[in-house]
N, C-alpha and C. Protein backbone atom coordinates (compact mmCIF):
# COMPACT_ATOMS: atom_id res chain seq x y z
N UNK A 1 0.07 -1.18 -0.35
CA UNK A 1 -0.04 -0.09 0.14
C UNK A 1 0.61 1.15 -0.13
N UNK A 2 1.07 2.07 -0.88
CA UNK A 2 1.50 3.37 -1.09
C UNK A 2 0.50 3.97 -1.18
N UNK A 3 0.09 5.17 -0.36
CA UNK A 3 -0.24 6.47 -0.23
C UNK A 3 -0.10 6.89 -0.90
N UNK A 4 -1.60 7.48 -2.04
CA UNK A 4 -1.30 8.27 -2.93
C UNK A 4 -0.96 8.30 -4.22
N UNK A 5 -1.07 6.80 -4.84
CA UNK A 5 -0.57 5.64 -5.48
C UNK A 5 -1.57 4.77 -5.94
N UNK A 6 -1.42 3.72 -6.00
CA UNK A 6 -1.82 2.53 -5.19
C UNK A 6 -3.61 2.57 -4.32
N UNK A 7 -3.23 3.75 -3.08
CA UNK A 7 -4.64 3.08 -2.42
C UNK A 7 -5.93 2.74 -2.45
N UNK A 8 -6.16 4.06 -3.82
CA UNK A 8 -7.35 4.64 -4.27
C UNK A 8 -7.96 2.91 -5.24
N UNK A 9 -7.04 2.59 -5.87
CA UNK A 9 -7.31 0.70 -6.31
C UNK A 9 -7.20 -0.44 -5.50
N UNK A 10 -6.97 -0.44 -4.77
CA UNK A 10 -6.46 -2.12 -4.20
C UNK A 10 -8.09 -2.11 -3.40
N UNK A 11 -8.66 -1.54 -3.55
CA UNK A 11 -10.02 -1.87 -2.75
C UNK A 11 -11.26 -2.80 -4.13
N UNK A 12 -10.89 -1.79 -5.15
CA UNK A 12 -11.32 -2.83 -6.66
C UNK A 12 -9.93 -3.78 -7.50
N UNK A 13 -9.12 -4.06 -6.58
CA UNK A 13 -8.59 -5.33 -6.93
C UNK A 13 -9.22 -6.09 -6.32
N UNK A 14 -9.03 -6.37 -4.91
CA UNK A 14 -9.03 -6.90 -3.42
C UNK A 14 -11.15 -7.82 -4.49
N UNK A 15 -12.23 -6.38 -4.48
CA UNK A 15 -12.71 -7.27 -5.97
C UNK A 15 -12.41 -8.18 -7.17
N UNK A 16 -11.32 -7.58 -7.42
CA UNK A 16 -11.37 -7.74 -8.72
C UNK A 16 -11.25 -10.30 -7.81
N UNK A 17 -10.23 -10.04 -7.74
CA UNK A 17 -9.56 -10.90 -6.35
C UNK A 17 -10.81 -11.81 -6.10
N UNK A 18 -11.72 -10.68 -5.27
CA UNK A 18 -12.44 -12.55 -5.50
C UNK A 18 -13.16 -12.77 -6.45
N UNK A 19 -13.74 -12.68 -7.17
CA UNK A 19 -14.25 -13.53 -8.08
C UNK A 19 -12.49 -13.89 -9.54
N UNK A 20 -12.29 -13.90 -8.63
CA UNK A 20 -11.06 -15.09 -9.37
C UNK A 20 -10.85 -16.23 -8.20
N UNK A 21 -11.31 -15.89 -7.50
CA UNK A 21 -11.27 -17.07 -6.30
C UNK A 21 -10.31 -16.91 -4.80
N UNK A 22 -9.85 -15.74 -4.64
CA UNK A 22 -8.64 -15.10 -3.54
C UNK A 22 -9.82 -15.64 -2.44
N UNK A 23 -9.00 -16.44 -0.95
CA UNK A 23 -10.12 -16.51 -0.27
C UNK A 23 -8.63 -15.47 0.54
N UNK A 24 -7.97 -15.25 0.91
CA UNK A 24 -7.47 -14.27 1.96
C UNK A 24 -6.31 -13.81 0.91
N UNK A 25 -6.15 -12.08 1.81
CA UNK A 25 -5.32 -10.78 0.93
C UNK A 25 -4.43 -10.38 2.58
N UNK A 26 -3.64 -10.02 1.81
CA UNK A 26 -2.40 -9.48 3.34
C UNK A 26 -1.55 -8.48 2.28
N UNK A 27 -2.95 -7.33 2.79
CA UNK A 27 -2.14 -5.34 2.46
C UNK A 27 -0.75 -5.10 3.03
N UNK A 28 0.33 -4.77 2.48
CA UNK A 28 1.52 -4.98 3.13
C UNK A 28 2.01 -3.67 3.36
N UNK A 29 2.16 -2.81 4.97
CA UNK A 29 2.72 -1.57 4.24
C UNK A 29 3.38 -1.03 3.57
N UNK A 30 3.69 -0.33 2.55
CA UNK A 30 5.23 0.26 2.36
C UNK A 30 6.44 1.10 3.49
N UNK A 31 7.63 0.57 3.99
CA UNK A 31 8.86 1.18 3.88
C UNK A 31 9.98 0.76 2.95
N UNK A 32 10.27 2.29 3.02
CA UNK A 32 11.10 3.01 2.33
C UNK A 32 12.27 2.05 2.36
N UNK A 33 13.24 1.84 1.32
CA UNK A 33 14.74 1.55 1.42
C UNK A 33 15.59 2.43 0.43
N UNK A 34 15.88 2.69 1.10
CA UNK A 34 17.26 3.38 0.22
C UNK A 34 18.30 2.91 -1.34
N UNK A 35 17.66 3.61 -1.82
CA UNK A 35 18.57 3.05 -3.08
C UNK A 35 17.26 3.02 -3.34
N UNK A 36 16.19 2.39 -3.57
CA UNK A 36 15.00 1.52 -4.28
C UNK A 36 13.80 3.50 -4.69
N UNK A 37 13.71 3.59 -5.71
CA UNK A 37 12.45 3.75 -6.85
C UNK A 37 11.39 5.03 -5.45
N UNK A 38 10.57 3.89 -4.86
CA UNK A 38 10.37 4.18 -3.79
C UNK A 38 11.05 4.85 -1.78
N UNK A 39 12.14 5.19 -2.58
CA UNK A 39 13.38 5.46 -0.74
C UNK A 39 12.42 6.79 0.01
N UNK A 40 12.22 8.13 -0.72
CA UNK A 40 11.93 8.95 -0.69
C UNK A 40 9.98 9.23 -0.41
N UNK A 41 9.34 8.04 -0.34
CA UNK A 41 7.63 8.26 0.29
C UNK A 41 7.97 8.39 1.75
N UNK A 42 6.44 8.55 2.16
CA UNK A 42 6.77 8.26 3.50
C UNK A 42 6.85 7.35 4.03
N UNK A 43 7.02 6.25 5.12
CA UNK A 43 6.29 5.08 5.31
C UNK A 43 4.39 5.29 5.38
N UNK A 44 4.03 4.32 4.66
CA UNK A 44 2.62 3.46 5.31
C UNK A 44 2.10 3.25 7.22
N UNK A 45 1.23 4.34 7.54
CA UNK A 45 1.56 3.85 8.91
C UNK A 45 0.63 2.69 9.25
N UNK A 46 0.22 1.66 10.15
CA UNK A 46 -0.33 0.72 10.12
C UNK A 46 -2.10 1.37 10.33
N UNK A 47 -1.94 2.26 10.70
CA UNK A 47 -3.21 2.97 10.80
C UNK A 47 -3.91 3.23 9.52
N UNK A 48 -3.34 3.39 8.91
CA UNK A 48 -3.46 3.47 7.52
C UNK A 48 -3.90 2.07 7.14
N UNK A 49 -3.54 1.08 7.62
CA UNK A 49 -3.39 -0.39 6.58
C UNK A 49 -4.70 -0.93 6.93
N UNK A 50 -4.35 -0.42 8.06
CA UNK A 50 -5.98 -0.79 9.09
C UNK A 50 -6.63 -0.31 8.97
N UNK A 51 -7.02 0.65 8.44
CA UNK A 51 -8.21 1.33 7.76
C UNK A 51 -8.62 1.02 6.64
N UNK A 52 -7.55 0.35 5.94
CA UNK A 52 -7.88 -0.80 4.36
C UNK A 52 -8.18 -1.88 4.77
N UNK A 53 -7.83 -2.56 5.30
CA UNK A 53 -8.24 -3.73 5.85
C UNK A 53 -9.66 -3.83 5.86
N UNK A 54 -10.14 -3.09 6.89
CA UNK A 54 -11.52 -3.14 7.31
C UNK A 54 -11.84 -2.59 6.08
N UNK A 55 -11.28 -2.11 4.77
CA UNK A 55 -12.69 -1.09 4.02
C UNK A 55 -12.55 -3.09 2.94
N UNK A 56 -11.85 -3.51 3.15
CA UNK A 56 -11.83 -4.87 1.99
C UNK A 56 -12.22 -5.93 2.59
N UNK A 57 -11.68 -6.84 4.12
CA UNK A 57 -12.52 -7.37 4.29
C UNK A 57 -13.80 -7.54 3.90
N UNK A 58 -14.92 -6.83 3.83
CA UNK A 58 -15.54 -6.72 3.08
C UNK A 58 -16.20 -7.70 2.05
N UNK A 59 -15.17 -7.47 1.41
CA UNK A 59 -15.47 -8.28 -0.07
C UNK A 59 -14.65 -10.01 -0.05
N UNK A 60 -13.66 -9.49 0.84
CA UNK A 60 -12.15 -10.46 1.01
C UNK A 60 -11.19 -10.38 2.77
N UNK A 61 -11.56 -11.85 2.97
CA UNK A 61 -11.12 -12.19 3.84
C UNK A 61 -9.27 -11.78 4.39
N UNK A 62 -8.89 -10.37 5.46
CA UNK A 62 -7.73 -9.80 5.50
C UNK A 62 -6.82 -10.26 6.04
N UNK A 63 -5.91 -11.31 6.03
CA UNK A 63 -4.19 -11.26 6.85
C UNK A 63 -4.05 -9.83 7.87
N UNK A 64 -4.34 -10.96 8.52
CA UNK A 64 -4.47 -9.30 10.04
C UNK A 64 -2.40 -10.04 11.12
N UNK A 65 -2.56 -11.21 11.46
CA UNK A 65 -1.33 -11.51 12.18
C UNK A 65 -0.35 -10.86 11.95
N UNK A 66 0.40 -10.30 10.23
CA UNK A 66 1.14 -10.66 9.73
C UNK A 66 2.21 -9.23 9.95
N UNK A 67 3.04 -9.41 10.09
CA UNK A 67 3.18 -7.65 10.49
C UNK A 67 4.51 -8.08 9.66
N UNK A 68 5.81 -7.75 8.43
CA UNK A 68 6.57 -8.04 8.20
C UNK A 68 6.54 -9.67 7.69
N UNK A 69 7.73 -10.22 6.42
CA UNK A 69 7.95 -11.54 6.78
C UNK A 69 9.14 -11.19 7.86
N UNK A 70 9.04 -13.05 8.43
CA UNK A 70 9.82 -12.51 9.69
C UNK A 70 10.68 -14.73 9.05
N UNK A 71 11.30 -14.47 9.54
CA UNK A 71 11.89 -15.88 10.32
C UNK A 71 11.88 -16.61 10.83
N UNK A 72 11.59 -15.77 12.57
CA UNK A 72 10.79 -15.69 13.67
C UNK A 72 9.09 -16.59 14.00
N UNK A 73 8.43 -17.02 12.74
CA UNK A 73 7.67 -16.93 12.83
C UNK A 73 6.98 -18.91 13.27
N UNK A 74 6.60 -19.12 14.71
CA UNK A 74 5.89 -19.86 14.77
C UNK A 74 4.78 -20.10 14.54
N UNK A 75 4.15 -21.27 13.74
CA UNK A 75 2.57 -21.75 13.84
C UNK A 75 2.52 -21.61 12.57
N UNK A 76 0.58 -21.34 12.19
CA UNK A 76 -0.14 -21.55 10.72
C UNK A 76 -0.21 -20.44 10.28
N UNK A 77 -0.54 -19.95 9.56
CA UNK A 77 -1.81 -18.63 8.77
C UNK A 77 -2.54 -18.65 9.89
N UNK A 78 -3.16 -19.92 10.77
CA UNK A 78 -4.52 -19.42 11.58
C UNK A 78 -4.10 -19.17 12.47
N UNK A 79 -2.76 -19.37 12.96
CA UNK A 79 -2.96 -20.56 14.01
C UNK A 79 -1.27 -20.30 14.83
N UNK A 80 -0.50 -18.62 15.03
CA UNK A 80 0.67 -18.48 15.00
C UNK A 80 0.61 -18.20 16.48
N UNK A 81 1.75 -18.83 17.08
CA UNK A 81 1.53 -18.77 18.48
C UNK A 81 3.20 -18.04 18.81
N UNK A 82 4.01 -17.25 17.79
CA UNK A 82 4.63 -17.23 18.81
C UNK A 82 4.54 -16.47 19.75
N UNK A 83 3.72 -16.00 20.28
CA UNK A 83 3.48 -15.24 21.46
C UNK A 83 4.26 -15.44 22.43
N UNK A 84 3.84 -17.05 22.70
CA UNK A 84 3.86 -18.18 23.36
C UNK A 84 5.95 -18.56 23.87
N UNK A 85 6.34 -18.24 22.59
CA UNK A 85 7.70 -17.85 22.85
C UNK A 85 8.62 -17.02 22.82
N UNK A 86 8.05 -15.38 22.93
CA UNK A 86 8.30 -15.03 22.85
C UNK A 86 7.10 -13.64 23.94
N UNK A 87 6.91 -13.75 24.58
CA UNK A 87 6.82 -12.73 25.42
C UNK A 87 6.68 -11.43 26.19
N UNK A 88 7.24 -11.28 25.07
CA UNK A 88 8.19 -9.80 24.95
C UNK A 88 7.70 -9.04 24.03
N UNK A 89 7.11 -10.00 23.04
CA UNK A 89 6.45 -8.89 21.57
C UNK A 89 5.76 -8.48 21.45
N UNK A 90 5.70 -7.54 21.14
CA UNK A 90 5.20 -5.85 20.64
C UNK A 90 4.42 -5.55 19.17
N UNK A 91 3.06 -5.63 19.79
CA UNK A 91 1.98 -5.58 18.65
C UNK A 91 2.64 -3.94 17.86
N UNK A 92 2.05 -4.05 16.12
CA UNK A 92 2.49 -2.25 15.63
C UNK A 92 1.51 -1.50 16.05
N UNK A 93 1.50 -0.50 16.79
CA UNK A 93 -0.02 0.28 16.97
C UNK A 93 -0.17 1.24 17.20
N UNK A 94 0.27 3.20 17.17
CA UNK A 94 -0.23 3.43 17.19
C UNK A 94 -1.75 4.20 18.05
N UNK A 95 -1.70 4.45 19.87
CA UNK A 95 -2.05 5.23 20.91
C UNK A 95 -2.13 5.81 21.33
N UNK A 96 -2.98 6.45 21.13
CA UNK A 96 -3.07 8.13 21.86
C UNK A 96 -3.27 7.32 23.47
N UNK A 97 -1.71 9.11 23.40
CA UNK A 97 -2.13 9.67 25.26
C UNK A 97 -2.87 10.49 25.97
N UNK A 98 -3.95 10.09 26.88
CA UNK A 98 -4.25 11.34 27.67
C UNK A 98 -3.59 12.20 27.63
N UNK A 99 -4.33 12.88 28.68
CA UNK A 99 -3.56 14.50 29.43
C UNK A 99 -3.00 13.50 31.04
N UNK A 100 -3.50 12.76 31.63
CA UNK A 100 -3.72 12.39 32.93
C UNK A 100 -2.58 10.89 33.04
N UNK A 101 -2.81 10.68 31.61
CA UNK A 101 -1.16 10.25 31.53
C UNK A 101 0.12 10.82 31.38
N UNK A 102 0.00 11.97 30.23
CA UNK A 102 1.07 12.41 29.97
C UNK A 102 2.23 12.92 31.34
N UNK A 103 0.48 13.20 32.35
CA UNK A 103 0.76 13.65 33.82
C UNK A 103 1.90 13.01 34.54
N UNK A 104 1.00 11.94 34.50
CA UNK A 104 2.12 10.88 35.52
C UNK A 104 2.98 9.93 35.23
N UNK A 105 3.66 9.58 33.76
CA UNK A 105 3.85 9.11 32.44
C UNK A 105 5.71 9.46 33.54
N UNK A 106 6.41 8.90 33.61
CA UNK A 106 8.51 8.60 34.01
C UNK A 106 9.15 9.37 32.66
N UNK A 107 10.70 10.13 33.19
CA UNK A 107 11.02 9.98 31.95
C UNK A 107 11.47 8.46 31.84
N UNK A 108 11.88 8.57 30.07
CA UNK A 108 12.74 7.55 29.46
C UNK A 108 13.20 7.64 28.93
N UNK A 109 13.74 6.87 28.87
CA UNK A 109 15.39 6.66 27.34
C UNK A 109 15.43 6.17 26.64
N UNK A 110 15.47 6.56 26.28
CA UNK A 110 14.57 5.07 24.81
C UNK A 110 15.84 4.93 23.32
N UNK A 111 17.23 4.00 22.95
CA UNK A 111 17.64 4.14 21.84
C UNK A 111 16.73 3.75 20.88
N UNK A 112 16.51 4.45 19.86
CA UNK A 112 16.79 3.77 18.57
C UNK A 112 17.16 3.81 17.48
N UNK A 113 16.88 2.39 16.25
CA UNK A 113 17.49 1.87 15.60
C UNK A 113 16.29 2.81 14.06
N UNK A 114 17.22 3.53 13.77
CA UNK A 114 16.83 3.86 12.14
C UNK A 114 17.50 4.32 11.32
N UNK A 115 17.49 4.22 10.28
CA UNK A 115 18.25 4.42 8.80
C UNK A 115 18.73 5.31 8.62
N UNK A 116 17.78 6.18 8.35
CA UNK A 116 18.19 7.43 7.77
C UNK A 116 16.80 8.98 9.60
N UNK A 117 16.66 8.68 10.38
CA UNK A 117 16.22 9.10 11.34
C UNK A 117 15.09 9.83 11.93
N UNK A 118 14.05 9.40 10.50
CA UNK A 118 12.49 9.80 10.96
C UNK A 118 11.98 8.30 11.27
N UNK A 119 12.45 7.35 10.10
CA UNK A 119 11.79 6.04 10.40
C UNK A 119 12.21 4.93 11.51
N UNK A 120 11.30 4.12 12.14
CA UNK A 120 11.98 2.89 12.94
C UNK A 120 11.74 2.30 11.61
N UNK A 121 13.51 1.82 10.76
CA UNK A 121 12.95 1.12 10.00
C UNK A 121 14.42 0.32 9.32
N UNK A 122 14.98 0.06 10.55
CA UNK A 122 16.42 -0.54 11.14
C UNK A 122 16.63 -1.61 12.10
N UNK A 123 16.40 -2.81 11.65
CA UNK A 123 17.01 -4.12 12.65
C UNK A 123 17.42 -3.92 13.72
N UNK A 124 17.43 -4.25 14.71
CA UNK A 124 18.41 -4.08 15.73
C UNK A 124 19.89 -4.06 15.94
N UNK A 125 19.78 -5.69 14.98
CA UNK A 125 21.01 -6.60 14.66
C UNK A 125 21.71 -5.62 13.63
N UNK A 126 20.91 -4.82 12.61
CA UNK A 126 21.62 -4.06 11.72
C UNK A 126 22.63 -2.98 11.91
N UNK A 127 22.57 -2.41 12.69
CA UNK A 127 22.22 -0.73 13.50
C UNK A 127 23.98 -1.10 13.80
N UNK A 128 24.56 0.41 13.18
CA UNK A 128 25.79 1.33 13.68
C UNK A 128 25.49 2.09 14.00
N UNK A 129 24.21 2.16 15.65
CA UNK A 129 24.36 3.42 16.11
C UNK A 129 23.07 3.13 15.94
N UNK A 130 23.06 4.23 17.74
CA UNK A 130 21.69 4.32 17.81
C UNK A 130 21.47 5.80 18.41
N UNK A 131 20.57 6.33 17.90
CA UNK A 131 19.54 7.71 18.58
C UNK A 131 19.31 7.48 20.16
N UNK A 132 19.08 8.18 20.65
CA UNK A 132 19.11 8.18 22.04
C UNK A 132 18.22 9.63 22.05
N UNK A 133 16.52 9.35 23.01
CA UNK A 133 15.70 9.52 23.70
C UNK A 133 15.32 9.98 24.15
N UNK A 134 15.43 10.78 24.79
CA UNK A 134 14.50 11.27 26.59
C UNK A 134 12.94 11.33 26.35
N UNK A 135 11.82 10.70 27.09
CA UNK A 135 11.13 11.33 26.79
C UNK A 135 10.24 11.74 28.27
N UNK A 136 9.46 12.21 28.23
CA UNK A 136 8.92 12.81 29.19
C UNK A 136 7.97 13.81 29.23
N UNK A 137 6.50 12.65 29.33
CA UNK A 137 5.06 13.80 29.38
C UNK A 137 5.04 13.31 28.13
N UNK A 138 4.52 14.69 27.22
CA UNK A 138 4.84 15.03 26.23
C UNK A 138 5.74 15.67 25.33
N UNK A 139 6.83 15.79 26.07
CA UNK A 139 8.16 16.16 25.25
C UNK A 139 9.04 14.94 25.10
N UNK A 140 9.08 14.86 24.46
CA UNK A 140 10.43 14.06 23.31
C UNK A 140 11.51 14.91 22.90
N UNK A 141 12.83 14.57 23.42
CA UNK A 141 13.59 15.12 22.85
C UNK A 141 14.79 14.22 23.14
N UNK A 142 15.83 14.56 21.53
CA UNK A 142 17.00 13.97 21.58
C UNK A 142 18.29 14.15 21.00
N UNK A 143 18.67 13.61 22.53
CA UNK A 143 19.46 13.71 23.26
C UNK A 143 21.28 13.33 22.58
N UNK A 144 21.69 12.31 21.29
CA UNK A 144 22.31 12.12 20.69
C UNK A 144 22.65 11.14 20.06
N UNK A 145 23.15 10.78 19.50
CA UNK A 145 23.75 9.17 19.14
C UNK A 145 24.83 8.48 18.67
N UNK A 146 24.83 7.72 18.61
CA UNK A 146 26.03 6.55 19.35
C UNK A 146 25.77 4.78 18.83
N UNK A 147 27.66 5.98 18.42
CA UNK A 147 27.98 4.48 18.03
C UNK A 147 28.44 3.48 18.48
N UNK A 148 28.33 2.41 17.38
CA UNK A 148 28.34 0.30 17.78
C UNK A 148 28.85 0.61 16.42
N UNK A 149 29.43 -0.97 17.17
CA UNK A 149 29.62 -2.48 16.20
C UNK A 149 28.94 -3.08 15.94
N UNK A 150 28.33 -3.04 14.88
CA UNK A 150 26.91 -4.12 14.74
C UNK A 150 26.66 -5.51 15.29
N UNK A 151 25.61 -5.72 15.77
CA UNK A 151 25.54 -6.54 16.51
C UNK A 151 25.50 -8.31 16.37
N UNK A 152 25.22 -7.85 14.56
CA UNK A 152 25.17 -9.27 13.94
C UNK A 152 25.48 -9.00 12.82
N UNK A 153 27.11 -9.74 12.81
CA UNK A 153 28.32 -9.80 11.78
C UNK A 153 28.27 -11.37 10.71
N UNK A 154 26.94 -12.74 11.50
CA UNK A 154 27.51 -13.33 10.66
C UNK A 154 28.73 -14.04 11.12
N UNK A 155 29.68 -14.78 10.09
CA UNK A 155 30.43 -15.68 10.41
C UNK A 155 32.26 -15.17 11.19
N UNK A 156 31.43 -15.17 12.69
CA UNK A 156 32.29 -14.28 13.59
C UNK A 156 32.21 -14.91 13.83
N UNK A 157 34.01 -15.89 14.82
CA UNK A 157 34.35 -16.65 16.26
C UNK A 157 33.41 -15.81 17.17
N UNK A 158 32.81 -17.40 17.64
CA UNK A 158 31.40 -16.71 18.98
C UNK A 158 32.66 -15.91 20.72
N UNK A 159 33.33 -16.02 20.01
CA UNK A 159 33.66 -16.26 21.54
C UNK A 159 33.70 -13.26 21.02
N UNK A 160 34.61 -14.25 20.50
CA UNK A 160 34.87 -12.59 19.87
C UNK A 160 33.21 -12.10 19.15
N UNK A 161 31.95 -12.70 18.82
CA UNK A 161 31.00 -11.79 18.99
C UNK A 161 30.77 -12.00 20.61
N UNK A 162 30.28 -12.68 21.29
CA UNK A 162 30.19 -12.28 22.65
C UNK A 162 30.41 -11.05 23.32
N UNK A 163 32.07 -11.01 23.32
CA UNK A 163 32.52 -10.18 24.30
C UNK A 163 32.12 -8.65 22.90
N UNK A 164 31.33 -8.81 21.11
CA UNK A 164 31.41 -7.03 20.91
C UNK A 164 29.82 -6.75 20.91
N UNK A 165 29.02 -7.88 21.39
CA UNK A 165 27.75 -7.87 21.67
C UNK A 165 27.05 -7.34 23.20
N UNK A 166 28.21 -8.13 24.42
CA UNK A 166 28.42 -7.30 25.34
C UNK A 166 28.47 -5.81 25.82
N UNK A 167 29.47 -5.50 25.25
CA UNK A 167 30.19 -4.30 24.55
C UNK A 167 28.92 -3.10 23.98
N UNK A 168 27.89 -3.81 22.81
CA UNK A 168 27.02 -2.93 22.80
C UNK A 168 26.50 -2.48 23.22
N UNK A 169 25.41 -3.59 24.17
CA UNK A 169 24.43 -3.34 25.17
C UNK A 169 24.87 -2.63 26.18
N UNK A 170 26.22 -2.28 26.19
CA UNK A 170 27.04 -0.71 27.20
C UNK A 170 26.99 -0.10 26.83
N UNK A 171 26.46 0.22 25.66
CA UNK A 171 26.38 1.88 25.00
C UNK A 171 25.22 1.94 25.33
N UNK A 172 24.56 1.30 25.77
CA UNK A 172 23.23 1.19 25.60
C UNK A 172 22.17 1.18 27.41
N UNK A 173 23.25 0.80 28.04
CA UNK A 173 22.63 0.78 29.45
C UNK A 173 21.48 1.07 30.04
N UNK A 174 22.07 2.57 29.89
CA UNK A 174 21.06 3.32 31.02
C UNK A 174 20.00 4.01 30.26
N UNK A 175 19.66 3.12 29.57
CA UNK A 175 18.11 3.04 28.77
C UNK A 175 17.56 2.01 29.01
N UNK A 176 16.30 2.62 28.68
CA UNK A 176 15.04 1.34 29.67
C UNK A 176 14.67 0.89 28.35
N UNK A 177 14.28 1.09 27.43
CA UNK A 177 14.65 0.45 25.49
C UNK A 177 14.80 0.87 25.60
N UNK A 178 15.10 0.14 24.29
CA UNK A 178 15.65 -0.24 22.61
C UNK A 178 13.52 -0.46 21.50
N UNK A 179 14.30 0.68 20.22
CA UNK A 179 12.32 0.49 19.87
C UNK A 179 13.77 0.20 18.14
N UNK A 180 12.78 0.20 17.52
CA UNK A 180 13.46 -0.80 16.81
C UNK A 180 12.42 -1.72 15.69
N UNK A 181 12.35 -1.49 14.65
CA UNK A 181 11.99 -2.51 13.32
C UNK A 181 11.57 -3.96 13.53
N UNK A 182 13.00 -4.74 14.21
CA UNK A 182 12.20 -6.08 14.29
C UNK A 182 13.61 -6.49 14.89
N UNK A 183 13.75 -7.81 16.08
CA UNK A 183 13.99 -8.14 16.44
C UNK A 183 14.28 -9.58 16.79
N UNK A 184 16.22 -9.85 17.19
CA UNK A 184 15.87 -11.40 17.56
C UNK A 184 15.56 -11.78 18.30
N UNK A 185 14.96 -13.03 18.78
CA UNK A 185 14.60 -13.58 20.37
C UNK A 185 16.16 -13.31 21.59
N UNK A 186 17.30 -13.83 20.61
CA UNK A 186 18.96 -14.33 21.91
C UNK A 186 19.06 -12.40 22.23
N UNK A 187 18.78 -11.39 20.99
CA UNK A 187 19.54 -10.00 21.50
C UNK A 187 18.21 -9.65 22.01
N UNK A 188 16.80 -10.45 21.91
CA UNK A 188 16.00 -9.61 23.02
C UNK A 188 15.73 -10.21 24.41
N UNK A 189 15.83 -11.77 24.53
CA UNK A 189 16.79 -12.24 26.54
C UNK A 189 17.66 -11.02 26.64
N UNK A 190 19.48 -10.54 26.20
CA UNK A 190 19.75 -10.30 26.17
C UNK A 190 20.05 -8.51 27.25
N UNK A 191 18.88 -8.02 25.86
CA UNK A 191 18.69 -6.93 26.50
C UNK A 191 18.09 -7.04 28.20
N UNK A 192 16.75 -7.56 27.69
CA UNK A 192 15.81 -8.32 29.05
C UNK A 192 16.67 -8.19 30.20
N UNK A 193 18.33 -8.97 29.92
CA UNK A 193 19.09 -9.05 31.05
C UNK A 193 19.74 -8.04 32.00
N UNK A 194 20.04 -7.07 30.97
CA UNK A 194 20.69 -5.12 31.76
C UNK A 194 19.18 -4.59 32.51
N UNK A 195 18.10 -5.74 31.83
CA UNK A 195 16.66 -4.73 32.27
C UNK A 195 15.70 -3.35 31.23
N UNK A 196 16.28 -4.07 29.74
CA UNK A 196 16.01 -2.26 28.50
C UNK A 196 15.77 -3.39 28.59
N UNK A 197 13.57 -3.38 27.92
CA UNK A 197 12.48 -3.69 26.82
C UNK A 197 13.07 -3.04 25.80
N UNK A 198 12.54 -4.46 24.93
CA UNK A 198 13.06 -4.08 23.10
C UNK A 198 11.44 -4.14 22.27
N UNK A 199 10.83 -2.51 21.55
CA UNK A 199 9.63 -2.74 21.72
C UNK A 199 10.04 -2.53 19.83
N UNK A 200 9.39 -3.64 18.82
CA UNK A 200 9.18 -4.07 17.73
C UNK A 200 8.08 -2.97 17.48
N UNK A 201 9.00 -2.65 16.42
CA UNK A 201 7.96 -0.69 15.68
C UNK A 201 7.86 -0.81 14.46
N UNK A 202 6.29 -0.11 13.58
CA UNK A 202 6.99 -0.13 12.56
C UNK A 202 5.70 0.97 11.75
N UNK A 203 6.56 2.37 11.76
CA UNK A 203 7.05 3.92 12.04
C UNK A 203 6.73 4.29 11.76
N UNK A 204 6.99 6.15 13.13
CA UNK A 204 7.66 7.16 12.46
C UNK A 204 8.45 7.16 13.54
N UNK A 205 9.04 7.98 13.58
CA UNK A 205 10.54 7.91 14.89
C UNK A 205 9.38 8.03 16.07
N UNK A 206 8.98 9.25 15.75
CA UNK A 206 7.33 9.99 17.20
C UNK A 206 6.67 8.98 17.63
N UNK A 207 5.94 9.08 16.26
CA UNK A 207 4.94 7.63 17.26
C UNK A 207 5.35 6.74 17.15
N UNK A 208 6.44 5.99 17.61
CA UNK A 208 7.68 4.95 17.42
C UNK A 208 8.00 5.03 19.18
N UNK A 209 8.44 6.30 20.03
CA UNK A 209 8.28 6.63 20.81
C UNK A 209 7.20 6.61 21.71
N UNK A 210 6.16 6.92 20.95
CA UNK A 210 5.01 7.75 22.13
C UNK A 210 4.11 5.72 22.19
N UNK A 211 4.11 5.04 21.70
CA UNK A 211 4.31 4.00 21.82
C UNK A 211 4.74 3.23 22.79
N UNK A 212 6.12 3.18 23.39
CA UNK A 212 6.91 2.99 23.91
C UNK A 212 6.61 3.46 25.47
N UNK A 213 6.36 4.91 24.77
CA UNK A 213 4.88 5.67 26.47
C UNK A 213 4.78 5.14 26.72
N UNK A 214 3.13 4.69 26.25
CA UNK A 214 2.27 4.43 26.17
C UNK A 214 2.78 1.80 26.62
N UNK A 215 3.73 2.54 26.35
CA UNK A 215 3.54 0.37 27.10
C UNK A 215 4.06 0.63 28.36
N UNK A 216 5.74 1.20 28.20
CA UNK A 216 6.19 1.13 29.80
C UNK A 216 6.05 2.59 30.43
N UNK A 217 5.65 3.98 29.77
CA UNK A 217 4.57 4.65 30.95
C UNK A 217 3.83 4.56 31.83
């Protein structure tokens, strides 16, 4: 789904798919990739995607449990069991914060993985820097960027991998949470051991930080 390009056409496509016997459809958001034709386009929000799914569900069943292509998915299409094995899984959402919640929300320091600084569009394991933000009620402040060695390098020696990964966690040890597009199970557990919650999100950095605040505030 690309806002302003094919969003008006999707319901027509869905109706045609129904005619030819399709029984389930997965409408996916655009995630701009550097070097692609659409790298300058805004990321499609899950709010827009869900509204489109609600509209199209009148004709064809919508696949809603799919977040992105996932190597860590467990179960069947109609029976996703990932939650049983990943207690810290976070659903993508953008929820409003009430005035009362704003007043009571504690300060939170959050490390964000982002390719260009505006979107949560980078896997935790691929990050070479973290953008550090502080959330204090309705205020969001950018504090600094912190360079790190990439968490996932492939076929490195195990001892070197462990030492490098520990050093990466040390860099963000003062943060309450990491906001990232995707994070593997073992990295997630390593963060939890240090009291850092990992939050997966697919939207702008600002919306992602608000979601973190909603979850941890």
